[in-house]
Amino acid sequence: MDWETYKALCDQPQYWSRWMLEQTRNLLESRNPVAVKIAQALKAVPLLKPPDHTGDKRTDMFAIDLGEAEVSDILAAIRRAHDREPERILPGFELAWIEYRSGVRKIANESVMKNEKGEGDDSSD
């Protein structure tokens, strides 16, 4: 994979680094459905890196599709962890998930608007 394509994919909201996903999973209860979903995503084949990429496994990128309620669970876990150990949680960590949730909301709103307009309806009479 070339760098331009790789960067474009990594900039998409559904792609997360192994490190970020592992840290998030570690904040959740092991049986939490979101933790299970993250664990499943981490079992997938990561995004192919450009040949001269120097990052280790922590920089592997995985696609994950979470809903707004699932991201809210993650944010609640981040806040609980921050309350217990403020130095453990980096400010950008929570912000990244807030941005992801905003993207989920935007996609959901666009979908609702299309459905209300009748767009995307493939049925023909």
N, C-alpha and C. Protein backbone atom coordinates (compact mmCIF):
# COMPACT_ATOMS: atom_id res chain seq x y z
N MET A 1 0.85 -1.18 0.00
CA MET A 1 0.00 0.00 0.00
C MET A 1 0.90 1.24 0.00
N ASP A 2 0.51 2.23 -0.78
CA ASP A 2 1.29 3.47 -0.82
C ASP A 2 0.89 4.39 0.34
N TRP A 3 1.77 5.34 0.64
CA TRP A 3 1.55 6.23 1.78
C TRP A 3 0.30 7.08 1.65
N GLU A 4 0.03 7.58 0.46
CA GLU A 4 -1.15 8.45 0.28
C GLU A 4 -2.44 7.71 0.63
N THR A 5 -2.56 6.50 0.13
CA THR A 5 -3.74 5.69 0.42
C THR A 5 -3.80 5.34 1.90
N TYR A 6 -2.66 4.95 2.46
CA TYR A 6 -2.60 4.58 3.87
C TYR A 6 -3.02 5.74 4.77
N LYS A 7 -2.47 6.91 4.51
CA LYS A 7 -2.83 8.09 5.31
C LYS A 7 -4.30 8.43 5.17
N ALA A 8 -4.82 8.34 3.96
CA ALA A 8 -6.24 8.65 3.73
C ALA A 8 -7.13 7.69 4.53
N LEU A 9 -6.77 6.42 4.52
CA LEU A 9 -7.56 5.44 5.28
C LEU A 9 -7.43 5.68 6.78
N CYS A 10 -6.21 5.93 7.25
CA CYS A 10 -5.99 6.15 8.69
C CYS A 10 -6.70 7.39 9.20
N ASP A 11 -6.97 8.33 8.31
CA ASP A 11 -7.69 9.54 8.70
C ASP A 11 -9.19 9.32 8.80
N GLN A 12 -9.66 8.17 8.33
CA GLN A 12 -11.08 7.86 8.43
C GLN A 12 -11.42 7.53 9.88
N PRO A 13 -12.58 7.97 10.36
CA PRO A 13 -12.92 7.79 11.77
C PRO A 13 -13.02 6.35 12.24
N GLN A 14 -13.27 5.41 11.34
CA GLN A 14 -13.43 4.02 11.78
C GLN A 14 -12.10 3.30 12.00
N TYR A 15 -10.98 3.92 11.64
CA TYR A 15 -9.68 3.28 11.83
C TYR A 15 -9.02 3.76 13.11
N TRP A 16 -8.61 2.80 13.94
CA TRP A 16 -7.99 3.07 15.23
C TRP A 16 -6.73 2.23 15.37
N SER A 17 -5.77 2.77 16.07
CA SER A 17 -4.53 2.03 16.29
C SER A 17 -4.76 0.91 17.30
N ARG A 18 -3.93 -0.12 17.19
CA ARG A 18 -3.97 -1.22 18.15
C ARG A 18 -3.82 -0.66 19.56
N TRP A 19 -2.88 0.26 19.75
CA TRP A 19 -2.63 0.82 21.08
C TRP A 19 -3.89 1.47 21.64
N MET A 20 -4.54 2.29 20.83
CA MET A 20 -5.75 3.00 21.30
C MET A 20 -6.87 2.02 21.64
N LEU A 21 -7.05 1.03 20.79
CA LEU A 21 -8.11 0.05 21.04
C LEU A 21 -7.79 -0.80 22.26
N GLU A 22 -6.55 -1.19 22.43
CA GLU A 22 -6.18 -1.98 23.62
C GLU A 22 -6.37 -1.18 24.90
N GLN A 23 -5.96 0.08 24.87
CA GLN A 23 -6.13 0.93 26.05
C GLN A 23 -7.62 1.10 26.37
N THR A 24 -8.42 1.27 25.35
CA THR A 24 -9.87 1.42 25.54
C THR A 24 -10.46 0.14 26.11
N ARG A 25 -10.10 -0.99 25.53
CA ARG A 25 -10.61 -2.28 26.01
C ARG A 25 -10.23 -2.50 27.48
N ASN A 26 -9.04 -2.08 27.85
CA ASN A 26 -8.57 -2.27 29.23
C ASN A 26 -9.36 -1.42 30.23
N LEU A 27 -10.00 -0.37 29.78
CA LEU A 27 -10.81 0.47 30.66
C LEU A 27 -12.19 -0.12 30.91
N LEU A 28 -12.59 -1.05 30.06
CA LEU A 28 -13.93 -1.63 30.13
C LEU A 28 -13.89 -2.95 30.88
N GLU A 29 -15.01 -3.33 31.46
CA GLU A 29 -15.14 -4.65 32.07
C GLU A 29 -14.96 -5.69 30.97
N SER A 30 -14.30 -6.78 31.27
CA SER A 30 -13.97 -7.77 30.23
C SER A 30 -15.20 -8.33 29.52
N ARG A 31 -16.33 -8.42 30.24
CA ARG A 31 -17.55 -8.96 29.62
C ARG A 31 -18.43 -7.88 28.99
N ASN A 32 -18.00 -6.64 29.09
CA ASN A 32 -18.76 -5.57 28.47
C ASN A 32 -18.84 -5.83 26.96
N PRO A 33 -20.02 -5.74 26.36
CA PRO A 33 -20.16 -6.00 24.93
C PRO A 33 -19.24 -5.14 24.05
N VAL A 34 -18.96 -3.94 24.49
CA VAL A 34 -18.06 -3.07 23.71
C VAL A 34 -16.63 -3.61 23.78
N ALA A 35 -16.22 -4.08 24.94
CA ALA A 35 -14.88 -4.68 25.08
C ALA A 35 -14.77 -5.92 24.20
N VAL A 36 -15.84 -6.70 24.14
CA VAL A 36 -15.85 -7.89 23.29
C VAL A 36 -15.74 -7.48 21.82
N LYS A 37 -16.47 -6.46 21.43
CA LYS A 37 -16.43 -5.99 20.04
C LYS A 37 -15.03 -5.48 19.68
N ILE A 38 -14.40 -4.77 20.61
CA ILE A 38 -13.04 -4.28 20.37
C ILE A 38 -12.08 -5.47 20.25
N ALA A 39 -12.22 -6.45 21.13
CA ALA A 39 -11.37 -7.64 21.07
C ALA A 39 -11.52 -8.34 19.72
N GLN A 40 -12.74 -8.42 19.23
CA GLN A 40 -12.97 -9.05 17.93
C GLN A 40 -12.31 -8.24 16.81
N ALA A 41 -12.40 -6.92 16.89
CA ALA A 41 -11.77 -6.08 15.87
C ALA A 41 -10.26 -6.28 15.86
N LEU A 42 -9.68 -6.45 17.04
CA LEU A 42 -8.24 -6.64 17.14
C LEU A 42 -7.77 -8.01 16.62
N LYS A 43 -8.69 -8.93 16.42
CA LYS A 43 -8.34 -10.24 15.86
C LYS A 43 -8.31 -10.20 14.34
N ALA A 44 -8.85 -9.15 13.77
CA ALA A 44 -8.87 -9.01 12.31
C ALA A 44 -7.47 -8.70 11.79
N VAL A 45 -7.32 -8.81 10.50
CA VAL A 45 -6.05 -8.44 9.88
C VAL A 45 -5.98 -6.91 9.86
N PRO A 46 -4.87 -6.35 10.37
CA PRO A 46 -4.77 -4.89 10.37
C PRO A 46 -4.60 -4.33 8.96
N LEU A 47 -4.84 -3.06 8.84
CA LEU A 47 -4.64 -2.36 7.59
C LEU A 47 -3.19 -2.56 7.13
N LEU A 48 -3.01 -2.89 5.88
CA LEU A 48 -1.68 -3.11 5.34
C LEU A 48 -0.89 -1.80 5.39
N LYS A 49 0.33 -1.87 5.92
CA LYS A 49 1.18 -0.68 6.04
C LYS A 49 2.05 -0.52 4.80
N PRO A 50 2.44 0.71 4.50
CA PRO A 50 3.40 0.90 3.40
C PRO A 50 4.71 0.17 3.72
N PRO A 51 5.44 -0.25 2.71
CA PRO A 51 6.64 -1.04 2.93
C PRO A 51 7.68 -0.37 3.84
N ASP A 52 7.78 0.93 3.82
CA ASP A 52 8.80 1.61 4.63
C ASP A 52 8.24 2.16 5.96
N HIS A 53 7.08 1.67 6.36
CA HIS A 53 6.49 2.07 7.65
C HIS A 53 7.38 1.53 8.76
N THR A 54 7.71 2.36 9.73
CA THR A 54 8.64 1.94 10.79
C THR A 54 7.96 1.64 12.12
N GLY A 55 6.66 1.80 12.19
CA GLY A 55 5.95 1.56 13.44
C GLY A 55 5.87 0.09 13.80
N ASP A 56 5.78 -0.18 15.10
CA ASP A 56 5.65 -1.56 15.56
C ASP A 56 4.17 -1.96 15.59
N LYS A 57 3.86 -3.08 16.24
CA LYS A 57 2.48 -3.59 16.28
C LYS A 57 1.49 -2.61 16.89
N ARG A 58 1.97 -1.76 17.81
CA ARG A 58 1.06 -0.79 18.44
C ARG A 58 0.46 0.16 17.42
N THR A 59 1.15 0.34 16.28
CA THR A 59 0.66 1.26 15.26
C THR A 59 -0.21 0.57 14.21
N ASP A 60 -0.46 -0.73 14.37
CA ASP A 60 -1.40 -1.41 13.47
C ASP A 60 -2.74 -0.69 13.54
N MET A 61 -3.40 -0.58 12.42
CA MET A 61 -4.68 0.11 12.35
C MET A 61 -5.79 -0.88 12.03
N PHE A 62 -6.90 -0.75 12.77
CA PHE A 62 -8.04 -1.65 12.62
C PHE A 62 -9.31 -0.83 12.42
N ALA A 63 -10.20 -1.35 11.58
CA ALA A 63 -11.50 -0.71 11.40
C ALA A 63 -12.44 -1.23 12.49
N ILE A 64 -13.22 -0.34 13.03
CA ILE A 64 -14.22 -0.72 14.03
C ILE A 64 -15.45 0.15 13.81
N ASP A 65 -16.60 -0.46 13.99
CA ASP A 65 -17.87 0.23 13.79
C ASP A 65 -18.66 0.18 15.09
N LEU A 66 -18.71 1.30 15.78
CA LEU A 66 -19.42 1.37 17.06
C LEU A 66 -20.55 2.39 16.95
N GLY A 67 -21.62 2.10 17.64
CA GLY A 67 -22.75 3.03 17.68
C GLY A 67 -22.57 4.07 18.77
N GLU A 68 -23.45 5.03 18.77
CA GLU A 68 -23.36 6.14 19.73
C GLU A 68 -23.43 5.65 21.17
N ALA A 69 -24.32 4.71 21.46
CA ALA A 69 -24.45 4.20 22.83
C ALA A 69 -23.17 3.47 23.25
N GLU A 70 -22.55 2.76 22.33
CA GLU A 70 -21.31 2.06 22.65
C GLU A 70 -20.18 3.04 22.96
N VAL A 71 -20.12 4.10 22.18
CA VAL A 71 -19.09 5.11 22.43
C VAL A 71 -19.38 5.84 23.75
N SER A 72 -20.64 6.03 24.07
CA SER A 72 -20.98 6.63 25.36
C SER A 72 -20.51 5.74 26.52
N ASP A 73 -20.60 4.42 26.34
CA ASP A 73 -20.06 3.49 27.35
C ASP A 73 -18.55 3.69 27.51
N ILE A 74 -17.87 3.84 26.39
CA ILE A 74 -16.41 4.06 26.43
C ILE A 74 -16.09 5.36 27.15
N LEU A 75 -16.82 6.42 26.81
CA LEU A 75 -16.56 7.72 27.44
C LEU A 75 -16.82 7.67 28.95
N ALA A 76 -17.85 6.95 29.35
CA ALA A 76 -18.13 6.80 30.78
C ALA A 76 -16.98 6.06 31.47
N ALA A 77 -16.45 5.03 30.82
CA ALA A 77 -15.32 4.28 31.38
C ALA A 77 -14.08 5.16 31.48
N ILE A 78 -13.86 5.99 30.47
CA ILE A 78 -12.71 6.91 30.49
C ILE A 78 -12.85 7.88 31.66
N ARG A 79 -14.03 8.41 31.85
CA ARG A 79 -14.25 9.37 32.95
C ARG A 79 -14.08 8.71 34.32
N ARG A 80 -14.58 7.48 34.44
CA ARG A 80 -14.39 6.75 35.71
C ARG A 80 -12.90 6.52 35.99
N ALA A 81 -12.17 6.12 34.95
CA ALA A 81 -10.73 5.89 35.11
C ALA A 81 -10.01 7.18 35.44
N HIS A 82 -10.43 8.26 34.83
CA HIS A 82 -9.81 9.57 35.10
C HIS A 82 -10.06 10.00 36.53
N ASP A 83 -11.26 9.73 37.03
CA ASP A 83 -11.57 10.08 38.42
C ASP A 83 -10.70 9.29 39.40
N ARG A 84 -10.41 8.02 39.05
CA ARG A 84 -9.56 7.18 39.91
C ARG A 84 -8.08 7.53 39.77
N GLU A 85 -7.64 7.72 38.53
CA GLU A 85 -6.22 7.95 38.25
C GLU A 85 -6.08 9.05 37.18
N PRO A 86 -6.16 10.31 37.56
CA PRO A 86 -6.14 11.39 36.58
C PRO A 86 -4.90 11.38 35.67
N GLU A 87 -3.78 10.93 36.20
CA GLU A 87 -2.56 10.95 35.41
C GLU A 87 -2.52 9.84 34.35
N ARG A 88 -3.40 8.85 34.49
CA ARG A 88 -3.40 7.72 33.56
C ARG A 88 -4.03 8.06 32.21
N ILE A 89 -5.01 8.93 32.21
CA ILE A 89 -5.77 9.22 31.01
C ILE A 89 -5.27 10.51 30.36
N LEU A 90 -4.81 10.38 29.13
CA LEU A 90 -4.36 11.55 28.38
C LEU A 90 -5.57 12.33 27.88
N PRO A 91 -5.50 13.67 27.89
CA PRO A 91 -6.66 14.46 27.44
C PRO A 91 -7.09 14.12 26.01
N GLY A 92 -6.16 13.84 25.14
CA GLY A 92 -6.50 13.52 23.76
C GLY A 92 -7.23 12.20 23.60
N PHE A 93 -7.08 11.32 24.57
CA PHE A 93 -7.72 10.01 24.52
C PHE A 93 -9.25 10.17 24.54
N GLU A 94 -9.74 10.93 25.49
CA GLU A 94 -11.18 11.17 25.57
C GLU A 94 -11.66 11.96 24.36
N LEU A 95 -10.89 12.95 23.96
CA LEU A 95 -11.26 13.78 22.81
C LEU A 95 -11.41 12.94 21.54
N ALA A 96 -10.54 11.97 21.34
CA ALA A 96 -10.62 11.12 20.15
C ALA A 96 -11.97 10.38 20.11
N TRP A 97 -12.40 9.86 21.25
CA TRP A 97 -13.68 9.15 21.28
C TRP A 97 -14.86 10.11 21.16
N ILE A 98 -14.73 11.32 21.68
CA ILE A 98 -15.79 12.33 21.50
C ILE A 98 -15.94 12.66 20.02
N GLU A 99 -14.81 12.81 19.33
CA GLU A 99 -14.85 13.10 17.89
C GLU A 99 -15.48 11.94 17.12
N TYR A 100 -15.13 10.72 17.52
CA TYR A 100 -15.72 9.54 16.87
C TYR A 100 -17.24 9.56 17.06
N ARG A 101 -17.69 9.82 18.29
CA ARG A 101 -19.13 9.87 18.57
C ARG A 101 -19.80 10.95 17.73
N SER A 102 -19.15 12.09 17.56
CA SER A 102 -19.71 13.16 16.72
C SER A 102 -19.88 12.68 15.28
N GLY A 103 -18.90 11.91 14.81
CA GLY A 103 -18.99 11.35 13.46
C GLY A 103 -20.13 10.36 13.33
N VAL A 104 -20.33 9.54 14.36
CA VAL A 104 -21.44 8.58 14.37
C VAL A 104 -22.76 9.33 14.31
N ARG A 105 -22.88 10.39 15.10
CA ARG A 105 -24.12 11.19 15.10
C ARG A 105 -24.36 11.81 13.73
N LYS A 106 -23.31 12.32 13.12
CA LYS A 106 -23.45 12.97 11.81
C LYS A 106 -23.93 11.97 10.77
N ILE A 107 -23.34 10.78 10.77
CA ILE A 107 -23.75 9.74 9.82
C ILE A 107 -25.20 9.34 10.06
N ALA A 108 -25.57 9.18 11.34
CA ALA A 108 -26.96 8.81 11.67
C ALA A 108 -27.92 9.89 11.21
N ASN A 109 -27.58 11.16 11.44
CA ASN A 109 -28.46 12.26 11.03
C ASN A 109 -28.59 12.32 9.52
N GLU A 110 -27.49 12.10 8.79
CA GLU A 110 -27.54 12.12 7.33
C GLU A 110 -28.43 10.99 6.82
N SER A 111 -28.34 9.84 7.46
CA SER A 111 -29.15 8.69 7.07
C SER A 111 -30.63 8.97 7.28
N VAL A 112 -30.96 9.59 8.42
CA VAL A 112 -32.36 9.94 8.71
C VAL A 112 -32.87 10.94 7.68
N MET A 113 -32.05 11.93 7.36
CA MET A 113 -32.47 12.94 6.39
C MET A 113 -32.70 12.31 5.02
N LYS A 114 -31.84 11.38 4.60
CA LYS A 114 -32.02 10.71 3.32
C LYS A 114 -33.30 9.90 3.32
N ASN A 115 -33.56 9.20 4.42
CA ASN A 115 -34.78 8.39 4.50
C ASN A 115 -36.03 9.26 4.46
N GLU A 116 -35.97 10.41 5.13
CA GLU A 116 -37.12 11.32 5.11
C GLU A 116 -37.38 11.88 3.72
N LYS A 117 -36.31 12.06 2.95
CA LYS A 117 -36.44 12.58 1.59
C LYS A 117 -36.76 11.47 0.58
N GLY A 118 -36.65 10.21 1.06
CA GLY A 118 -36.90 9.09 0.16
C GLY A 118 -35.69 8.72 -0.67
N GLU A 119 -34.53 9.29 -0.34
CA GLU A 119 -33.30 8.96 -1.06
C GLU A 119 -32.81 7.61 -0.61
N GLY A 120 -32.11 6.94 -1.47
CA GLY A 120 -31.53 5.66 -1.10
C GLY A 120 -32.54 4.53 -1.15
N ASP A 121 -33.77 4.82 -1.55
CA ASP A 121 -34.79 3.77 -1.64
C ASP A 121 -34.64 3.10 -3.00
N ASP A 122 -34.20 1.87 -2.98
CA ASP A 122 -33.95 1.16 -4.23
C ASP A 122 -35.19 0.45 -4.78
N SER A 123 -36.30 0.55 -4.07
CA SER A 123 -37.50 -0.15 -4.56
C SER A 123 -38.07 0.59 -5.76
N SER A 124 -38.52 -0.19 -6.70
CA SER A 124 -39.15 0.43 -7.86
C SER A 124 -40.55 -0.12 -8.02
N ASP A 125 -41.44 0.76 -8.44
CA ASP A 125 -42.85 0.37 -8.58
C ASP A 125 -43.16 0.05 -10.00
